C-alpha atoms as a PDB file:
ATOM      1  CA  MET A   1     -26.080 -10.586 -39.213  1.00  0.00           C
ATOM      2  CA  GLY A   2     -24.834  -7.334 -40.734  1.00  0.00           C
ATOM      3  CA  GLY A   3     -25.556  -5.504 -37.481  1.00  0.00           C
ATOM      4  CA  SER A   4     -23.487  -7.945 -35.440  1.00  0.00           C
ATOM      5  CA  ARG A   5     -20.516  -7.395 -37.734  1.00  0.00           C
ATOM      6  CA  ARG A   6     -20.740  -3.638 -37.266  1.00  0.00           C
ATOM      7  CA  GLY A   7     -21.017  -4.230 -33.540  1.00  0.00           C
ATOM      8  CA  TRP A   8     -17.882  -6.375 -33.564  1.00  0.00           C
ATOM      9  CA  ALA A   9     -15.992  -3.796 -35.584  1.00  0.00           C
ATOM     10  CA  ARG A  10     -16.933  -1.039 -33.130  1.00  0.00           C
ATOM     11  CA  LEU A  11     -15.856  -3.158 -30.169  1.00  0.00           C
ATOM     12  CA  ALA A  12     -12.608  -4.061 -31.928  1.00  0.00           C
ATOM     13  CA  LEU A  13     -11.800  -0.392 -32.492  1.00  0.00           C
ATOM     14  CA  GLU A  14     -12.618   0.443 -28.868  1.00  0.00           C
ATOM     15  CA  ARG A  15     -10.388  -2.407 -27.697  1.00  0.00           C
ATOM     16  CA  TYR A  16      -7.533  -1.331 -29.954  1.00  0.00           C
ATOM     17  CA  GLY A  17      -7.879   2.227 -28.673  1.00  0.00           C
ATOM     18  CA  LEU A  18      -7.517   0.938 -25.112  1.00  0.00           C
ATOM     19  CA  LEU A  19      -4.537  -1.246 -26.033  1.00  0.00           C
ATOM     20  CA  LYS A  20      -2.761   1.731 -27.579  1.00  0.00           C
ATOM     21  CA  ARG A  21      -2.857   3.364 -24.107  1.00  0.00           C
ATOM     22  CA  TRP A  22      -0.617   0.588 -22.705  1.00  0.00           C
ATOM     23  CA  ARG A  23       1.999   3.034 -21.413  1.00  0.00           C
ATOM     24  CA  GLU A  24      -0.572   4.932 -19.379  1.00  0.00           C
ATOM     25  CA  LEU A  25      -2.074   1.712 -18.063  1.00  0.00           C
ATOM     26  CA  ALA A  26       1.370   0.331 -17.140  1.00  0.00           C
ATOM     27  CA  LEU A  27       2.037   3.477 -15.096  1.00  0.00           C
ATOM     28  CA  ILE A  28      -1.220   2.917 -13.209  1.00  0.00           C
ATOM     29  CA  VAL A  29      -0.172  -0.672 -12.445  1.00  0.00           C
ATOM     30  CA  ALA A  30       3.289   0.511 -11.327  1.00  0.00           C
ATOM     31  CA  ARG A  31       1.747   3.136  -9.007  1.00  0.00           C
ATOM     32  CA  ALA A  32      -0.580   0.533  -7.514  1.00  0.00           C
ATOM     33  CA  CYS A  33       2.326  -1.878  -6.998  1.00  0.00           C
ATOM     34  CA  ARG A  34       4.321   0.796  -5.150  1.00  0.00           C
ATOM     35  CA  GLU A  35       1.281   1.771  -3.032  1.00  0.00           C
ATOM     36  CA  VAL A  36       0.628  -1.840  -1.990  1.00  0.00           C
ATOM     37  CA  LEU A  37       4.176  -3.147  -1.651  1.00  0.00           C
ATOM     38  CA  GLY A  38       6.245  -0.006  -1.124  1.00  0.00           C
ATOM     39  CA  PRO A  39       9.934  -0.806  -1.571  1.00  0.00           C
ATOM     40  CA  GLY A  40       8.955  -4.456  -2.065  1.00  0.00           C
ATOM     41  CA  CYS A  41       7.877  -3.511  -5.592  1.00  0.00           C
ATOM     42  CA  LEU A  42      11.192  -3.750  -7.422  1.00  0.00           C
ATOM     43  CA  GLY A  43       9.911  -3.069 -10.912  1.00  0.00           C
ATOM     44  CA  VAL A  44       7.030  -3.216 -13.359  1.00  0.00           C
ATOM     45  CA  TYR A  45       7.731  -4.064 -16.982  1.00  0.00           C
ATOM     46  CA  VAL A  46       5.680  -4.453 -20.144  1.00  0.00           C
ATOM     47  CA  ALA A  47       6.667  -7.326 -22.429  1.00  0.00           C
ATOM     48  CA  GLY A  48       5.389  -8.886 -25.624  1.00  0.00           C
ATOM     49  CA  GLY A  49       3.565  -7.221 -28.467  1.00  0.00           C
ATOM     50  CA  ALA A  50       2.906  -3.907 -26.727  1.00  0.00           C
ATOM     51  CA  ALA A  51       6.547  -3.417 -25.805  1.00  0.00           C
ATOM     52  CA  GLU A  52       7.686  -4.514 -29.255  1.00  0.00           C
ATOM     53  CA  GLY A  53       5.240  -2.326 -31.173  1.00  0.00           C
ATOM     54  CA  ARG A  54       3.233  -5.263 -32.506  1.00  0.00           C
ATOM     55  CA  LEU A  55      -0.226  -4.475 -31.162  1.00  0.00           C
ATOM     56  CA  THR A  56      -3.284  -5.802 -32.940  1.00  0.00           C
ATOM     57  CA  VAL A  57      -6.925  -5.847 -31.946  1.00  0.00           C
ATOM     58  CA  LEU A  58      -6.355  -9.381 -30.592  1.00  0.00           C
ATOM     59  CA  SER A  59      -3.344  -8.400 -28.454  1.00  0.00           C
ATOM     60  CA  ASP A  60      -3.137  -8.297 -24.717  1.00  0.00           C
ATOM     61  CA  ILE A  61      -0.817  -6.336 -22.456  1.00  0.00           C
ATOM     62  CA  ASP A  62       1.749  -8.539 -20.756  1.00  0.00           C
ATOM     63  CA  VAL A  63       2.880  -7.001 -17.468  1.00  0.00           C
ATOM     64  CA  VAL A  64       5.721  -8.399 -15.359  1.00  0.00           C
ATOM     65  CA  ILE A  65       5.850  -7.290 -11.734  1.00  0.00           C
ATOM     66  CA  VAL A  66       9.090  -7.960  -9.880  1.00  0.00           C
ATOM     67  CA  VAL A  67       8.788  -8.140  -6.095  1.00  0.00           C
ATOM     68  CA  ASP A  68      11.297  -8.863  -3.354  1.00  0.00           C
ATOM     69  CA  ASP A  69       8.954 -11.336  -1.619  1.00  0.00           C
ATOM     70  CA  PRO A  70       6.535 -13.216  -3.895  1.00  0.00           C
ATOM     71  CA  ARG A  71       4.411 -14.179  -0.874  1.00  0.00           C
ATOM     72  CA  ALA A  72       3.541 -10.511  -0.266  1.00  0.00           C
END
């Protein structure tokens, strides 16, 4: 059981490290949105804990994509 705890802790630190890169990841999403939708991609925003500086190992990254035609 001790090994599984160490394994969880390592994974939690890796996950937190990835979450702390939310700005970089949001830029990748924004670029992809513009590539796929062009001017139809009106904006990409990060909300929630990441945007408010409340990240924890259990957080996620909430991304809001605003498009001119939601059927696109």
